[in-house]
Amino acid sequence: MMNLEGIKNILPQRYPFLMIDRVLEIRAGEYCKALKNVSGNEEIFSGHFPHHAMMPAVMIIECFAQTAGCVMNSRIEEPLEFVFFAGINNAKFRKPVIPGDQLILEITLKNQRRNFWTFDGIASVEDKVVTQAEIKLMTQEI
C-alpha cells in the first residue's frame, strides 16, 4: 500500500493533475491497484456538466496512465521522469463516474519492448466495471 506522499515520490504530476489518491496493491513491474476518490469539489465538475456532474472519460484514462506509471516505477530506484501517453485501444466506457464514487483502477502489464509499455486497465465502482482499455506508454529522454 502507498499513500499520496509515496505516490508523489514516483510520479511527477501534482495538483490539480495528480489523479490517484492511494495505491492499494502493487506487484513490482507487473500490476497495480489504485484508488481515486471522486470529489464534487474538483474543478472539472463546474463545467462537466454543471447540472449532471460526471468524470470526463479522458480523465479516467489519465488515471489508468498514472496507475501504469506506478507499475513502471515500481522496479527501479530512480523514477522515470518522462513517461508519455503513446496510444489507446479498445476503450469502453460502460457507466458514468460521478462525484462521491470511489474509482478502483487495476492495471496489468501486458507487454514491454524497449521503451514502449502496453497495459490492460479495468476501472470499477462498487465492483462494477465502468471503464476498460488497453493503454500504451513510452519513455523518452528529453
N, C-alpha and C. Protein backbone atom coordinates (compact mmCIF):
# COMPACT_ATOMS: atom_id res chain seq x y z
N MET A 1 0.85 -1.17 0.00
CA MET A 1 0.00 0.00 0.00
C MET A 1 0.90 1.24 0.00
N MET A 2 0.42 2.29 -0.67
CA MET A 2 1.19 3.53 -0.77
C MET A 2 0.22 4.70 -0.65
N ASN A 3 0.55 5.65 0.22
CA ASN A 3 -0.30 6.83 0.38
C ASN A 3 0.09 7.90 -0.65
N LEU A 4 -0.58 9.04 -0.57
CA LEU A 4 -0.38 10.12 -1.54
C LEU A 4 1.08 10.59 -1.57
N GLU A 5 1.72 10.70 -0.43
CA GLU A 5 3.11 11.16 -0.40
C GLU A 5 4.03 10.16 -1.11
N GLY A 6 3.76 8.87 -0.92
CA GLY A 6 4.54 7.85 -1.62
C GLY A 6 4.34 7.93 -3.13
N ILE A 7 3.11 8.19 -3.54
CA ILE A 7 2.82 8.33 -4.98
C ILE A 7 3.57 9.53 -5.54
N LYS A 8 3.61 10.63 -4.79
CA LYS A 8 4.32 11.83 -5.25
C LYS A 8 5.82 11.59 -5.39
N ASN A 9 6.34 10.59 -4.69
CA ASN A 9 7.76 10.26 -4.81
C ASN A 9 8.08 9.56 -6.13
N ILE A 10 7.07 8.97 -6.77
CA ILE A 10 7.36 8.24 -8.01
C ILE A 10 6.68 8.80 -9.25
N LEU A 11 5.67 9.66 -9.07
CA LEU A 11 5.02 10.28 -10.23
C LEU A 11 5.31 11.78 -10.24
N PRO A 12 5.52 12.37 -11.41
CA PRO A 12 5.83 13.80 -11.47
C PRO A 12 4.60 14.71 -11.40
N GLN A 13 3.39 14.17 -11.62
CA GLN A 13 2.19 15.00 -11.63
C GLN A 13 1.93 15.59 -10.23
N ARG A 14 1.34 16.76 -10.21
CA ARG A 14 0.96 17.44 -8.98
C ARG A 14 -0.42 18.05 -9.15
N TYR A 15 -0.98 18.54 -8.06
CA TYR A 15 -2.29 19.18 -8.10
C TYR A 15 -2.27 20.25 -9.18
N PRO A 16 -3.29 20.34 -9.98
CA PRO A 16 -4.56 19.61 -9.94
C PRO A 16 -4.58 18.37 -10.82
N PHE A 17 -3.42 17.90 -11.26
CA PHE A 17 -3.44 16.79 -12.22
C PHE A 17 -2.95 15.46 -11.67
N LEU A 18 -2.60 15.39 -10.41
CA LEU A 18 -2.30 14.10 -9.81
C LEU A 18 -3.64 13.44 -9.50
N MET A 19 -3.93 12.36 -10.17
CA MET A 19 -5.28 11.81 -10.15
C MET A 19 -5.50 10.71 -9.12
N ILE A 20 -4.49 9.90 -8.82
CA ILE A 20 -4.72 8.78 -7.92
C ILE A 20 -4.39 9.18 -6.48
N ASP A 21 -5.19 8.69 -5.54
CA ASP A 21 -5.06 9.06 -4.14
C ASP A 21 -4.32 8.02 -3.30
N ARG A 22 -4.35 6.78 -3.73
CA ARG A 22 -3.74 5.72 -2.92
C ARG A 22 -3.47 4.50 -3.81
N VAL A 23 -2.35 3.85 -3.56
CA VAL A 23 -2.07 2.56 -4.18
C VAL A 23 -2.47 1.50 -3.17
N LEU A 24 -3.39 0.64 -3.56
CA LEU A 24 -3.90 -0.40 -2.66
C LEU A 24 -3.07 -1.67 -2.72
N GLU A 25 -2.53 -1.94 -3.90
CA GLU A 25 -1.74 -3.17 -4.09
C GLU A 25 -0.80 -2.95 -5.25
N ILE A 26 0.39 -3.49 -5.13
CA ILE A 26 1.34 -3.40 -6.24
C ILE A 26 2.21 -4.66 -6.27
N ARG A 27 2.40 -5.16 -7.48
CA ARG A 27 3.36 -6.24 -7.73
C ARG A 27 4.39 -5.65 -8.67
N ALA A 28 5.60 -5.51 -8.18
CA ALA A 28 6.65 -4.79 -8.89
C ALA A 28 6.75 -5.21 -10.36
N GLY A 29 6.63 -4.20 -11.22
CA GLY A 29 6.78 -4.42 -12.64
C GLY A 29 5.66 -5.17 -13.33
N GLU A 30 4.56 -5.48 -12.60
CA GLU A 30 3.50 -6.31 -13.18
C GLU A 30 2.10 -5.71 -13.08
N TYR A 31 1.74 -5.23 -11.88
CA TYR A 31 0.33 -4.94 -11.59
C TYR A 31 0.24 -3.85 -10.53
N CYS A 32 -0.81 -3.03 -10.65
CA CYS A 32 -1.09 -2.04 -9.62
C CYS A 32 -2.61 -1.85 -9.51
N LYS A 33 -3.05 -1.76 -8.27
CA LYS A 33 -4.45 -1.44 -7.98
C LYS A 33 -4.44 -0.14 -7.19
N ALA A 34 -5.12 0.88 -7.73
CA ALA A 34 -5.10 2.21 -7.12
C ALA A 34 -6.52 2.71 -6.90
N LEU A 35 -6.62 3.75 -6.10
CA LEU A 35 -7.90 4.35 -5.72
C LEU A 35 -7.91 5.82 -6.09
N LYS A 36 -9.01 6.24 -6.67
CA LYS A 36 -9.27 7.67 -6.94
C LYS A 36 -10.59 8.00 -6.28
N ASN A 37 -10.55 8.88 -5.28
CA ASN A 37 -11.77 9.39 -4.67
C ASN A 37 -12.30 10.51 -5.55
N VAL A 38 -13.46 10.34 -6.08
CA VAL A 38 -14.04 11.33 -6.99
C VAL A 38 -14.86 12.31 -6.14
N SER A 39 -14.36 13.54 -6.05
CA SER A 39 -14.98 14.54 -5.19
C SER A 39 -15.71 15.60 -6.01
N GLY A 40 -16.89 15.98 -5.57
CA GLY A 40 -17.64 17.03 -6.23
C GLY A 40 -16.95 18.38 -6.15
N ASN A 41 -15.93 18.51 -5.31
CA ASN A 41 -15.18 19.76 -5.19
C ASN A 41 -14.14 19.95 -6.29
N GLU A 42 -13.92 18.92 -7.10
CA GLU A 42 -12.93 19.04 -8.16
C GLU A 42 -13.41 20.04 -9.21
N GLU A 43 -12.49 20.89 -9.62
CA GLU A 43 -12.83 21.98 -10.53
C GLU A 43 -13.46 21.52 -11.84
N ILE A 44 -13.09 20.36 -12.31
CA ILE A 44 -13.60 19.85 -13.58
C ILE A 44 -15.12 19.75 -13.59
N PHE A 45 -15.71 19.52 -12.42
CA PHE A 45 -17.16 19.32 -12.36
C PHE A 45 -17.96 20.61 -12.48
N SER A 46 -17.29 21.75 -12.38
CA SER A 46 -18.02 23.00 -12.57
C SER A 46 -18.42 23.18 -14.04
N GLY A 47 -17.75 22.48 -14.94
CA GLY A 47 -18.09 22.60 -16.35
C GLY A 47 -18.45 21.29 -17.04
N HIS A 48 -18.33 20.18 -16.33
CA HIS A 48 -18.59 18.87 -16.96
C HIS A 48 -19.47 18.00 -16.07
N PHE A 49 -20.62 18.10 -16.03
CA PHE A 49 -21.54 19.11 -16.55
C PHE A 49 -22.19 19.76 -15.34
N PRO A 50 -22.47 21.05 -15.36
CA PRO A 50 -22.93 21.75 -14.15
C PRO A 50 -24.17 21.14 -13.49
N HIS A 51 -25.10 20.59 -14.26
CA HIS A 51 -26.34 20.07 -13.67
C HIS A 51 -26.39 18.54 -13.62
N HIS A 52 -25.33 17.91 -14.12
CA HIS A 52 -25.25 16.45 -14.06
C HIS A 52 -23.77 16.07 -14.12
N ALA A 53 -23.07 16.31 -13.01
CA ALA A 53 -21.61 16.12 -12.97
C ALA A 53 -21.22 14.68 -13.26
N MET A 54 -20.24 14.53 -14.14
CA MET A 54 -19.66 13.21 -14.39
C MET A 54 -18.20 13.40 -14.79
N MET A 55 -17.38 12.43 -14.43
CA MET A 55 -15.95 12.49 -14.71
C MET A 55 -15.72 12.30 -16.19
N PRO A 56 -14.97 13.21 -16.83
CA PRO A 56 -14.68 13.03 -18.26
C PRO A 56 -13.92 11.73 -18.52
N ALA A 57 -14.25 11.09 -19.61
CA ALA A 57 -13.61 9.82 -19.97
C ALA A 57 -12.09 9.97 -20.06
N VAL A 58 -11.64 11.07 -20.59
CA VAL A 58 -10.20 11.29 -20.74
C VAL A 58 -9.50 11.34 -19.38
N MET A 59 -10.20 11.78 -18.34
CA MET A 59 -9.61 11.81 -17.00
C MET A 59 -9.49 10.40 -16.43
N ILE A 60 -10.42 9.54 -16.77
CA ILE A 60 -10.32 8.13 -16.34
C ILE A 60 -9.12 7.48 -17.01
N ILE A 61 -8.91 7.79 -18.28
CA ILE A 61 -7.75 7.25 -18.99
C ILE A 61 -6.46 7.78 -18.36
N GLU A 62 -6.45 9.04 -17.95
CA GLU A 62 -5.28 9.59 -17.26
C GLU A 62 -5.04 8.85 -15.93
N CYS A 63 -6.11 8.49 -15.24
CA CYS A 63 -5.96 7.68 -14.03
C CYS A 63 -5.29 6.35 -14.34
N PHE A 64 -5.69 5.73 -15.45
CA PHE A 64 -5.04 4.49 -15.88
C PHE A 64 -3.55 4.75 -16.11
N ALA A 65 -3.23 5.82 -16.83
CA ALA A 65 -1.83 6.11 -17.17
C ALA A 65 -1.00 6.32 -15.90
N GLN A 66 -1.55 7.04 -14.93
CA GLN A 66 -0.80 7.28 -13.70
C GLN A 66 -0.64 5.99 -12.89
N THR A 67 -1.64 5.14 -12.89
CA THR A 67 -1.53 3.85 -12.22
C THR A 67 -0.47 3.00 -12.92
N ALA A 68 -0.45 3.03 -14.25
CA ALA A 68 0.58 2.32 -15.01
C ALA A 68 1.96 2.89 -14.71
N GLY A 69 2.04 4.20 -14.50
CA GLY A 69 3.31 4.83 -14.13
C GLY A 69 3.84 4.26 -12.82
N CYS A 70 2.95 3.93 -11.92
CA CYS A 70 3.36 3.29 -10.66
C CYS A 70 3.99 1.92 -10.93
N VAL A 71 3.41 1.17 -11.86
CA VAL A 71 3.98 -0.13 -12.24
C VAL A 71 5.37 0.07 -12.83
N MET A 72 5.48 1.01 -13.75
CA MET A 72 6.76 1.25 -14.43
C MET A 72 7.85 1.65 -13.45
N ASN A 73 7.50 2.41 -12.44
CA ASN A 73 8.48 2.90 -11.48
C ASN A 73 8.67 1.96 -10.29
N SER A 74 7.94 0.88 -10.23
CA SER A 74 7.98 0.03 -9.04
C SER A 74 9.20 -0.88 -8.98
N ARG A 75 9.93 -1.00 -10.07
CA ARG A 75 11.08 -1.91 -10.03
C ARG A 75 12.40 -1.22 -10.31
N ILE A 76 12.42 0.09 -10.20
CA ILE A 76 13.66 0.83 -10.39
C ILE A 76 13.86 1.79 -9.22
N GLU A 77 15.12 2.19 -8.99
CA GLU A 77 15.42 3.07 -7.86
C GLU A 77 15.07 4.52 -8.15
N GLU A 78 15.41 5.01 -9.31
CA GLU A 78 15.12 6.39 -9.68
C GLU A 78 13.89 6.43 -10.57
N PRO A 79 12.86 7.19 -10.19
CA PRO A 79 11.64 7.26 -11.02
C PRO A 79 11.92 7.77 -12.43
N LEU A 80 11.20 7.21 -13.39
CA LEU A 80 11.29 7.67 -14.77
C LEU A 80 10.69 9.07 -14.84
N GLU A 81 11.46 10.03 -15.35
CA GLU A 81 10.96 11.40 -15.38
C GLU A 81 10.01 11.66 -16.52
N PHE A 82 10.25 11.06 -17.66
CA PHE A 82 9.46 11.38 -18.83
C PHE A 82 8.77 10.14 -19.38
N VAL A 83 7.53 9.97 -18.97
CA VAL A 83 6.68 8.90 -19.48
C VAL A 83 5.56 9.58 -20.25
N PHE A 84 5.36 9.17 -21.48
CA PHE A 84 4.38 9.81 -22.34
C PHE A 84 3.29 8.82 -22.74
N PHE A 85 2.11 9.35 -22.92
CA PHE A 85 0.99 8.57 -23.43
C PHE A 85 1.26 8.29 -24.90
N ALA A 86 1.18 7.02 -25.30
CA ALA A 86 1.52 6.66 -26.68
C ALA A 86 0.34 6.09 -27.46
N GLY A 87 -0.74 5.69 -26.77
CA GLY A 87 -1.87 5.18 -27.51
C GLY A 87 -2.90 4.51 -26.62
N ILE A 88 -4.04 4.27 -27.23
CA ILE A 88 -5.14 3.61 -26.53
C ILE A 88 -5.88 2.73 -27.52
N ASN A 89 -6.25 1.55 -27.06
CA ASN A 89 -7.03 0.62 -27.88
C ASN A 89 -8.20 0.08 -27.07
N ASN A 90 -9.26 -0.22 -27.79
CA ASN A 90 -10.40 -0.94 -27.21
C ASN A 90 -10.97 -0.30 -25.94
N ALA A 91 -11.03 1.00 -25.89
CA ALA A 91 -11.60 1.67 -24.72
C ALA A 91 -13.11 1.51 -24.73
N LYS A 92 -13.63 1.15 -23.57
CA LYS A 92 -15.07 1.01 -23.41
C LYS A 92 -15.47 1.73 -22.13
N PHE A 93 -16.47 2.59 -22.25
CA PHE A 93 -16.97 3.36 -21.12
C PHE A 93 -18.40 2.89 -20.88
N ARG A 94 -18.60 2.15 -19.81
CA ARG A 94 -19.86 1.45 -19.59
C ARG A 94 -20.84 2.18 -18.69
N LYS A 95 -20.33 3.05 -17.83
CA LYS A 95 -21.20 3.73 -16.87
C LYS A 95 -20.52 5.02 -16.43
N PRO A 96 -21.26 6.11 -16.25
CA PRO A 96 -20.63 7.35 -15.80
C PRO A 96 -20.04 7.21 -14.40
N VAL A 97 -18.95 7.92 -14.19
CA VAL A 97 -18.33 8.04 -12.86
C VAL A 97 -18.72 9.41 -12.35
N ILE A 98 -19.32 9.44 -11.17
CA ILE A 98 -19.87 10.70 -10.64
C ILE A 98 -19.26 11.04 -9.28
N PRO A 99 -19.39 12.31 -8.87
CA PRO A 99 -18.87 12.69 -7.55
C PRO A 99 -19.44 11.78 -6.46
N GLY A 100 -18.55 11.41 -5.54
CA GLY A 100 -18.91 10.51 -4.46
C GLY A 100 -18.47 9.08 -4.72
N ASP A 101 -18.16 8.76 -5.98
CA ASP A 101 -17.69 7.42 -6.32
C ASP A 101 -16.25 7.22 -5.86
N GLN A 102 -15.92 5.98 -5.55
CA GLN A 102 -14.53 5.57 -5.37
C GLN A 102 -14.17 4.73 -6.57
N LEU A 103 -13.29 5.27 -7.39
CA LEU A 103 -12.88 4.61 -8.62
C LEU A 103 -11.68 3.72 -8.31
N ILE A 104 -11.84 2.43 -8.55
CA ILE A 104 -10.76 1.47 -8.35
C ILE A 104 -10.16 1.16 -9.71
N LEU A 105 -8.85 1.37 -9.83
CA LEU A 105 -8.15 1.20 -11.10
C LEU A 105 -7.20 0.03 -10.99
N GLU A 106 -7.31 -0.90 -11.93
CA GLU A 106 -6.41 -2.04 -11.95
C GLU A 106 -5.69 -2.06 -13.30
N ILE A 107 -4.37 -2.07 -13.22
CA ILE A 107 -3.52 -2.03 -14.40
C ILE A 107 -2.60 -3.25 -14.37
N THR A 108 -2.54 -3.95 -15.49
CA THR A 108 -1.67 -5.12 -15.61
C THR A 108 -0.77 -4.95 -16.82
N LEU A 109 0.53 -5.13 -16.62
CA LEU A 109 1.47 -5.06 -17.74
C LEU A 109 1.20 -6.20 -18.70
N LYS A 110 1.01 -5.85 -19.95
CA LYS A 110 0.73 -6.82 -21.00
C LYS A 110 2.00 -7.13 -21.79
N ASN A 111 2.77 -6.07 -22.06
CA ASN A 111 3.95 -6.22 -22.89
C ASN A 111 4.88 -5.03 -22.68
N GLN A 112 6.19 -5.30 -22.79
CA GLN A 112 7.17 -4.21 -22.79
C GLN A 112 8.25 -4.55 -23.79
N ARG A 113 8.50 -3.62 -24.69
CA ARG A 113 9.59 -3.74 -25.65
C ARG A 113 10.32 -2.42 -25.67
N ARG A 114 11.59 -2.50 -25.30
CA ARG A 114 12.42 -1.29 -25.21
C ARG A 114 11.73 -0.24 -24.36
N ASN A 115 11.39 0.88 -24.99
CA ASN A 115 10.79 1.98 -24.23
C ASN A 115 9.27 2.07 -24.40
N PHE A 116 8.63 1.05 -24.94
CA PHE A 116 7.17 1.01 -25.10
C PHE A 116 6.57 -0.01 -24.14
N TRP A 117 5.55 0.41 -23.44
CA TRP A 117 4.87 -0.42 -22.45
C TRP A 117 3.39 -0.48 -22.80
N THR A 118 2.80 -1.66 -22.75
CA THR A 118 1.37 -1.84 -23.01
C THR A 118 0.72 -2.44 -21.77
N PHE A 119 -0.42 -1.88 -21.39
CA PHE A 119 -1.12 -2.29 -20.18
C PHE A 119 -2.60 -2.54 -20.48
N ASP A 120 -3.18 -3.47 -19.75
CA ASP A 120 -4.64 -3.64 -19.73
C ASP A 120 -5.15 -2.97 -18.47
N GLY A 121 -6.21 -2.17 -18.63
CA GLY A 121 -6.78 -1.47 -17.49
C GLY A 121 -8.25 -1.76 -17.32
N ILE A 122 -8.65 -1.89 -16.06
CA ILE A 122 -10.06 -2.05 -15.70
C ILE A 122 -10.34 -1.08 -14.56
N ALA A 123 -11.38 -0.27 -14.71
CA ALA A 123 -11.80 0.64 -13.66
C ALA A 123 -13.19 0.23 -13.20
N SER A 124 -13.38 0.23 -11.89
CA SER A 124 -14.68 -0.18 -11.37
C SER A 124 -15.11 0.74 -10.23
N VAL A 125 -16.41 0.77 -10.04
CA VAL A 125 -17.04 1.46 -8.92
C VAL A 125 -17.99 0.46 -8.29
N GLU A 126 -17.85 0.25 -7.00
CA GLU A 126 -18.68 -0.72 -6.28
C GLU A 126 -18.70 -2.08 -6.98
N ASP A 127 -17.52 -2.55 -7.37
CA ASP A 127 -17.33 -3.85 -8.01
C ASP A 127 -18.01 -4.00 -9.37
N LYS A 128 -18.39 -2.88 -9.99
CA LYS A 128 -18.97 -2.92 -11.34
C LYS A 128 -18.00 -2.20 -12.28
N VAL A 129 -17.66 -2.87 -13.38
CA VAL A 129 -16.74 -2.29 -14.35
C VAL A 129 -17.38 -1.07 -14.99
N VAL A 130 -16.67 0.06 -14.94
CA VAL A 130 -17.16 1.28 -15.58
C VAL A 130 -16.35 1.63 -16.83
N THR A 131 -15.08 1.22 -16.86
CA THR A 131 -14.22 1.52 -17.99
C THR A 131 -13.18 0.42 -18.13
N GLN A 132 -12.84 0.12 -19.38
CA GLN A 132 -11.71 -0.76 -19.63
C GLN A 132 -11.02 -0.29 -20.89
N ALA A 133 -9.72 -0.52 -20.96
CA ALA A 133 -8.94 -0.06 -22.11
C ALA A 133 -7.56 -0.69 -22.09
N GLU A 134 -6.97 -0.74 -23.26
CA GLU A 134 -5.55 -1.05 -23.37
C GLU A 134 -4.85 0.29 -23.58
N ILE A 135 -3.86 0.58 -22.75
CA ILE A 135 -3.14 1.84 -22.93
C ILE A 135 -1.67 1.56 -23.19
N LYS A 136 -1.07 2.48 -23.92
CA LYS A 136 0.35 2.36 -24.27
C LYS A 136 1.08 3.61 -23.79
N LEU A 137 2.20 3.38 -23.14
CA LEU A 137 3.04 4.46 -22.65
C LEU A 137 4.45 4.26 -23.20
N MET A 138 5.19 5.34 -23.25
CA MET A 138 6.57 5.23 -23.70
C MET A 138 7.45 6.14 -22.86
N THR A 139 8.69 5.73 -22.73
CA THR A 139 9.67 6.58 -22.06
C THR A 139 10.55 7.19 -23.13
N GLN A 140 11.02 8.39 -22.83
CA GLN A 140 11.89 9.07 -23.78
C GLN A 140 12.72 10.09 -23.03
N GLU A 141 13.97 10.19 -23.40
CA GLU A 141 14.81 11.21 -22.79
C GLU A 141 14.60 12.52 -23.53
N ILE A 142 14.55 13.57 -22.75
CA ILE A 142 14.36 14.91 -23.36
C ILE A 142 15.60 15.74 -23.14
